[in-house]
Amino acid sequence: MNIQIFGTKKCFDTKKAERWFKERGIRYQMIDMKEKGMSAGEFNSVRQSVGGIGNMINEGSKDKDTLTLMKYLSDSDREEKLFENQHIIRTPIVRNGKKATVGFCPEVWSEWE
């Protein structure tokens, strides 16, 4: 397995995901989205794997202006805006090759083992 966890240091679900993989002895790579973020290829791979950007948006984000704007944009513009503003993506994003999950999903991760 080639696990990547995209998240932030202050996100409790990201910490829970790290703990879940650590307890099972599964190696992973942690990427802090505040420091680095996702590349365009990673973003597109995750978007396709989780069924679109609607499943990636964190509706509870503090950036209410961007969330409101996202509702009125066309699909292609929404993708571009979400890529530019990755701080409104729900975390953690856990990737295993072409597979990905958004949020804390241990039931899916256990199928990857």
N, C-alpha and C. Protein backbone atom coordinates (compact mmCIF):
# COMPACT_ATOMS: atom_id res chain seq x y z
N MET A 1 0.84 -1.19 0.00
CA MET A 1 0.00 0.00 0.00
C MET A 1 0.88 1.24 0.00
N ASN A 2 0.38 2.25 -0.68
CA ASN A 2 1.07 3.53 -0.76
C ASN A 2 0.10 4.60 -0.25
N ILE A 3 0.04 4.78 1.06
CA ILE A 3 -0.94 5.65 1.68
C ILE A 3 -0.40 7.07 1.82
N GLN A 4 -1.22 8.03 1.40
CA GLN A 4 -0.94 9.45 1.61
C GLN A 4 -2.12 10.03 2.37
N ILE A 5 -1.83 10.80 3.41
CA ILE A 5 -2.88 11.47 4.17
C ILE A 5 -2.69 12.97 3.99
N PHE A 6 -3.68 13.62 3.38
CA PHE A 6 -3.68 15.07 3.24
C PHE A 6 -4.57 15.62 4.34
N GLY A 7 -4.02 16.51 5.14
CA GLY A 7 -4.81 17.08 6.22
C GLY A 7 -4.07 18.23 6.86
N THR A 8 -4.54 18.65 8.03
CA THR A 8 -3.89 19.72 8.77
C THR A 8 -3.58 19.21 10.17
N LYS A 9 -2.64 19.86 10.81
CA LYS A 9 -2.20 19.43 12.14
C LYS A 9 -3.29 19.64 13.19
N LYS A 10 -4.20 20.59 12.98
CA LYS A 10 -5.23 20.89 13.96
C LYS A 10 -6.53 20.12 13.73
N CYS A 11 -6.62 19.36 12.66
CA CYS A 11 -7.84 18.63 12.33
C CYS A 11 -7.91 17.33 13.14
N PHE A 12 -8.97 17.15 13.92
CA PHE A 12 -9.10 15.96 14.75
C PHE A 12 -9.29 14.70 13.92
N ASP A 13 -10.03 14.79 12.81
CA ASP A 13 -10.22 13.61 11.96
C ASP A 13 -8.91 13.18 11.31
N THR A 14 -8.05 14.15 10.98
CA THR A 14 -6.73 13.81 10.43
C THR A 14 -5.90 13.08 11.47
N LYS A 15 -5.95 13.54 12.71
CA LYS A 15 -5.22 12.87 13.79
C LYS A 15 -5.76 11.46 14.00
N LYS A 16 -7.07 11.30 13.93
CA LYS A 16 -7.66 9.97 14.08
C LYS A 16 -7.24 9.04 12.95
N ALA A 17 -7.16 9.57 11.73
CA ALA A 17 -6.72 8.77 10.58
C ALA A 17 -5.27 8.33 10.76
N GLU A 18 -4.41 9.26 11.19
CA GLU A 18 -3.01 8.90 11.44
C GLU A 18 -2.91 7.81 12.50
N ARG A 19 -3.68 7.95 13.57
CA ARG A 19 -3.66 6.96 14.64
C ARG A 19 -4.15 5.60 14.12
N TRP A 20 -5.19 5.60 13.27
CA TRP A 20 -5.74 4.35 12.74
C TRP A 20 -4.68 3.58 11.95
N PHE A 21 -3.94 4.27 11.09
CA PHE A 21 -2.90 3.60 10.30
C PHE A 21 -1.72 3.21 11.17
N LYS A 22 -1.37 4.06 12.13
CA LYS A 22 -0.24 3.77 13.02
C LYS A 22 -0.51 2.52 13.86
N GLU A 23 -1.74 2.38 14.38
CA GLU A 23 -2.11 1.23 15.21
C GLU A 23 -2.03 -0.09 14.44
N ARG A 24 -2.22 -0.03 13.13
CA ARG A 24 -2.18 -1.23 12.30
C ARG A 24 -0.81 -1.45 11.66
N GLY A 25 0.12 -0.60 11.98
CA GLY A 25 1.48 -0.75 11.46
C GLY A 25 1.58 -0.47 9.97
N ILE A 26 0.67 0.35 9.44
CA ILE A 26 0.67 0.68 8.01
C ILE A 26 1.42 2.00 7.83
N ARG A 27 2.42 1.95 6.97
CA ARG A 27 3.20 3.16 6.71
C ARG A 27 2.38 4.12 5.86
N TYR A 28 2.55 5.41 6.14
CA TYR A 28 1.84 6.44 5.39
C TYR A 28 2.70 7.69 5.29
N GLN A 29 2.32 8.54 4.36
CA GLN A 29 2.99 9.83 4.19
C GLN A 29 1.98 10.91 4.53
N MET A 30 2.33 11.79 5.47
CA MET A 30 1.45 12.88 5.89
C MET A 30 1.82 14.14 5.13
N ILE A 31 0.83 14.77 4.49
CA ILE A 31 1.05 16.02 3.78
C ILE A 31 0.17 17.08 4.43
N ASP A 32 0.80 18.12 4.97
CA ASP A 32 0.07 19.21 5.61
C ASP A 32 -0.45 20.14 4.51
N MET A 33 -1.76 20.25 4.40
CA MET A 33 -2.36 21.05 3.33
C MET A 33 -2.15 22.55 3.52
N LYS A 34 -1.83 22.98 4.73
CA LYS A 34 -1.55 24.40 4.93
C LYS A 34 -0.18 24.76 4.39
N GLU A 35 0.74 23.79 4.40
CA GLU A 35 2.08 24.05 3.91
C GLU A 35 2.22 23.76 2.42
N LYS A 36 1.66 22.64 1.96
CA LYS A 36 1.93 22.20 0.60
C LYS A 36 0.67 22.13 -0.27
N GLY A 37 -0.34 21.45 0.16
CA GLY A 37 -1.54 21.27 -0.65
C GLY A 37 -1.38 20.17 -1.68
N MET A 38 -2.40 19.99 -2.50
CA MET A 38 -2.39 18.93 -3.52
C MET A 38 -1.97 19.51 -4.87
N SER A 39 -1.29 18.68 -5.65
CA SER A 39 -0.97 19.08 -7.02
C SER A 39 -2.22 18.91 -7.87
N ALA A 40 -2.19 19.41 -9.09
CA ALA A 40 -3.35 19.30 -9.98
C ALA A 40 -3.68 17.84 -10.27
N GLY A 41 -2.66 17.01 -10.47
CA GLY A 41 -2.89 15.59 -10.73
C GLY A 41 -3.51 14.89 -9.54
N GLU A 42 -3.01 15.17 -8.34
CA GLU A 42 -3.58 14.57 -7.12
C GLU A 42 -5.02 15.03 -6.93
N PHE A 43 -5.27 16.31 -7.14
CA PHE A 43 -6.61 16.86 -7.00
C PHE A 43 -7.59 16.17 -7.93
N ASN A 44 -7.22 16.02 -9.21
CA ASN A 44 -8.10 15.37 -10.19
C ASN A 44 -8.33 13.91 -9.87
N SER A 45 -7.28 13.23 -9.40
CA SER A 45 -7.41 11.82 -9.03
C SER A 45 -8.39 11.65 -7.87
N VAL A 46 -8.27 12.51 -6.86
CA VAL A 46 -9.17 12.44 -5.71
C VAL A 46 -10.59 12.78 -6.14
N ARG A 47 -10.74 13.82 -6.96
CA ARG A 47 -12.07 14.24 -7.43
C ARG A 47 -12.78 13.09 -8.14
N GLN A 48 -12.07 12.39 -9.01
CA GLN A 48 -12.67 11.27 -9.74
C GLN A 48 -12.99 10.11 -8.80
N SER A 49 -12.13 9.86 -7.84
CA SER A 49 -12.29 8.72 -6.95
C SER A 49 -13.47 8.89 -5.98
N VAL A 50 -13.71 10.13 -5.52
CA VAL A 50 -14.77 10.35 -4.53
C VAL A 50 -16.09 10.77 -5.16
N GLY A 51 -16.14 10.88 -6.47
CA GLY A 51 -17.41 11.16 -7.14
C GLY A 51 -17.71 12.63 -7.34
N GLY A 52 -16.70 13.46 -7.51
CA GLY A 52 -16.92 14.87 -7.81
C GLY A 52 -16.54 15.78 -6.67
N ILE A 53 -16.50 17.08 -6.98
CA ILE A 53 -16.05 18.03 -5.97
C ILE A 53 -17.11 18.30 -4.91
N GLY A 54 -18.35 17.96 -5.19
CA GLY A 54 -19.41 18.15 -4.19
C GLY A 54 -19.13 17.36 -2.92
N ASN A 55 -18.49 16.22 -3.07
CA ASN A 55 -18.15 15.38 -1.92
C ASN A 55 -16.87 15.85 -1.22
N MET A 56 -16.15 16.75 -1.83
CA MET A 56 -14.88 17.22 -1.27
C MET A 56 -15.03 18.49 -0.45
N ILE A 57 -16.11 19.24 -0.66
CA ILE A 57 -16.26 20.55 -0.03
C ILE A 57 -16.68 20.39 1.43
N ASN A 58 -16.00 21.13 2.30
CA ASN A 58 -16.32 21.15 3.72
C ASN A 58 -17.35 22.26 3.95
N GLU A 59 -18.61 21.88 4.11
CA GLU A 59 -19.67 22.87 4.29
C GLU A 59 -19.54 23.61 5.62
N GLY A 60 -18.77 23.08 6.54
CA GLY A 60 -18.56 23.73 7.84
C GLY A 60 -17.34 24.62 7.89
N SER A 61 -16.76 24.91 6.74
CA SER A 61 -15.56 25.73 6.67
C SER A 61 -15.84 27.15 7.17
N LYS A 62 -14.81 27.78 7.72
CA LYS A 62 -14.95 29.14 8.23
C LYS A 62 -15.03 30.18 7.12
N ASP A 63 -14.59 29.82 5.91
CA ASP A 63 -14.59 30.75 4.78
C ASP A 63 -15.96 30.73 4.10
N LYS A 64 -16.92 31.39 4.73
CA LYS A 64 -18.31 31.38 4.24
C LYS A 64 -18.45 32.09 2.91
N ASP A 65 -17.63 33.11 2.65
CA ASP A 65 -17.72 33.85 1.39
C ASP A 65 -17.41 32.93 0.20
N THR A 66 -16.34 32.16 0.31
CA THR A 66 -15.97 31.25 -0.79
C THR A 66 -17.01 30.15 -0.94
N LEU A 67 -17.52 29.64 0.18
CA LEU A 67 -18.56 28.59 0.10
C LEU A 67 -19.80 29.10 -0.60
N THR A 68 -20.20 30.32 -0.30
CA THR A 68 -21.38 30.91 -0.94
C THR A 68 -21.13 31.11 -2.43
N LEU A 69 -19.97 31.61 -2.77
CA LEU A 69 -19.61 31.82 -4.18
C LEU A 69 -19.62 30.50 -4.95
N MET A 70 -19.16 29.42 -4.32
CA MET A 70 -19.08 28.11 -4.98
C MET A 70 -20.46 27.63 -5.44
N LYS A 71 -21.50 28.01 -4.72
CA LYS A 71 -22.85 27.56 -5.06
C LYS A 71 -23.35 28.15 -6.37
N TYR A 72 -22.79 29.30 -6.76
CA TYR A 72 -23.28 30.02 -7.94
C TYR A 72 -22.39 29.88 -9.17
N LEU A 73 -21.30 29.13 -9.05
CA LEU A 73 -20.38 28.96 -10.18
C LEU A 73 -20.75 27.75 -11.01
N SER A 74 -20.32 27.73 -12.27
CA SER A 74 -20.50 26.55 -13.11
C SER A 74 -19.56 25.47 -12.60
N ASP A 75 -19.78 24.22 -13.05
CA ASP A 75 -18.99 23.09 -12.55
C ASP A 75 -17.50 23.27 -12.79
N SER A 76 -17.12 23.69 -14.00
CA SER A 76 -15.69 23.85 -14.28
C SER A 76 -15.08 24.98 -13.45
N ASP A 77 -15.85 26.05 -13.23
CA ASP A 77 -15.35 27.15 -12.40
C ASP A 77 -15.26 26.73 -10.93
N ARG A 78 -16.20 25.88 -10.49
CA ARG A 78 -16.16 25.39 -9.11
C ARG A 78 -14.90 24.58 -8.87
N GLU A 79 -14.54 23.71 -9.84
CA GLU A 79 -13.32 22.91 -9.71
C GLU A 79 -12.10 23.80 -9.58
N GLU A 80 -12.02 24.80 -10.43
CA GLU A 80 -10.88 25.72 -10.41
C GLU A 80 -10.83 26.49 -9.09
N LYS A 81 -11.97 26.96 -8.62
CA LYS A 81 -12.03 27.72 -7.37
C LYS A 81 -11.66 26.84 -6.18
N LEU A 82 -12.10 25.58 -6.18
CA LEU A 82 -11.77 24.67 -5.08
C LEU A 82 -10.28 24.36 -5.09
N PHE A 83 -9.70 24.18 -6.27
CA PHE A 83 -8.26 23.91 -6.36
C PHE A 83 -7.46 25.10 -5.84
N GLU A 84 -7.93 26.32 -6.13
CA GLU A 84 -7.25 27.53 -5.65
C GLU A 84 -7.42 27.71 -4.14
N ASN A 85 -8.54 27.27 -3.59
CA ASN A 85 -8.86 27.46 -2.17
C ASN A 85 -8.97 26.10 -1.48
N GLN A 86 -7.86 25.41 -1.39
CA GLN A 86 -7.88 24.06 -0.84
C GLN A 86 -8.18 24.03 0.66
N HIS A 87 -8.19 25.18 1.30
CA HIS A 87 -8.51 25.21 2.73
C HIS A 87 -9.98 24.90 3.00
N ILE A 88 -10.83 24.87 1.98
CA ILE A 88 -12.24 24.52 2.20
C ILE A 88 -12.53 23.06 1.83
N ILE A 89 -11.49 22.28 1.58
CA ILE A 89 -11.66 20.85 1.31
C ILE A 89 -11.78 20.10 2.63
N ARG A 90 -12.71 19.17 2.69
CA ARG A 90 -12.89 18.35 3.88
C ARG A 90 -11.68 17.45 4.08
N THR A 91 -11.20 17.34 5.30
CA THR A 91 -10.02 16.52 5.59
C THR A 91 -10.39 15.43 6.58
N PRO A 92 -9.65 14.36 6.66
CA PRO A 92 -8.47 14.06 5.87
C PRO A 92 -8.84 13.47 4.51
N ILE A 93 -7.97 13.67 3.55
CA ILE A 93 -8.08 12.97 2.28
C ILE A 93 -7.02 11.88 2.33
N VAL A 94 -7.45 10.64 2.22
CA VAL A 94 -6.53 9.51 2.28
C VAL A 94 -6.50 8.86 0.91
N ARG A 95 -5.30 8.79 0.32
CA ARG A 95 -5.12 8.20 -1.01
C ARG A 95 -4.35 6.90 -0.90
N ASN A 96 -4.78 5.94 -1.71
CA ASN A 96 -4.06 4.67 -1.88
C ASN A 96 -4.04 4.41 -3.37
N GLY A 97 -3.03 4.92 -4.05
CA GLY A 97 -2.97 4.80 -5.51
C GLY A 97 -4.07 5.63 -6.13
N LYS A 98 -4.94 4.98 -6.89
CA LYS A 98 -6.06 5.67 -7.55
C LYS A 98 -7.28 5.78 -6.65
N LYS A 99 -7.28 5.06 -5.54
CA LYS A 99 -8.41 5.11 -4.61
C LYS A 99 -8.21 6.25 -3.63
N ALA A 100 -9.33 6.83 -3.17
CA ALA A 100 -9.23 7.92 -2.21
C ALA A 100 -10.52 8.01 -1.40
N THR A 101 -10.38 8.54 -0.19
CA THR A 101 -11.54 8.83 0.65
C THR A 101 -11.41 10.25 1.17
N VAL A 102 -12.55 10.84 1.50
CA VAL A 102 -12.57 12.16 2.10
C VAL A 102 -13.27 12.02 3.44
N GLY A 103 -12.63 12.49 4.50
CA GLY A 103 -13.17 12.34 5.84
C GLY A 103 -12.62 11.08 6.50
N PHE A 104 -13.10 10.81 7.71
CA PHE A 104 -12.64 9.65 8.47
C PHE A 104 -13.47 8.44 8.05
N CYS A 105 -12.86 7.49 7.30
CA CYS A 105 -13.56 6.34 6.71
C CYS A 105 -12.83 5.03 6.99
N PRO A 106 -12.72 4.59 8.24
CA PRO A 106 -11.96 3.37 8.53
C PRO A 106 -12.56 2.12 7.89
N GLU A 107 -13.86 2.11 7.63
CA GLU A 107 -14.48 0.94 6.99
C GLU A 107 -13.96 0.74 5.57
N VAL A 108 -13.66 1.82 4.86
CA VAL A 108 -13.11 1.73 3.52
C VAL A 108 -11.62 1.37 3.59
N TRP A 109 -10.90 1.97 4.52
CA TRP A 109 -9.46 1.71 4.66
C TRP A 109 -9.18 0.25 5.01
N SER A 110 -10.07 -0.35 5.81
CA SER A 110 -9.84 -1.76 6.19
C SER A 110 -9.97 -2.67 4.98
N GLU A 111 -10.75 -2.27 3.97
CA GLU A 111 -10.85 -3.06 2.74
C GLU A 111 -9.57 -2.98 1.91
N TRP A 112 -8.77 -1.95 2.11
CA TRP A 112 -7.54 -1.77 1.36
C TRP A 112 -6.43 -2.69 1.85
N GLU A 113 -6.54 -3.17 3.11
CA GLU A 113 -5.47 -3.99 3.69
C GLU A 113 -5.30 -5.31 2.99
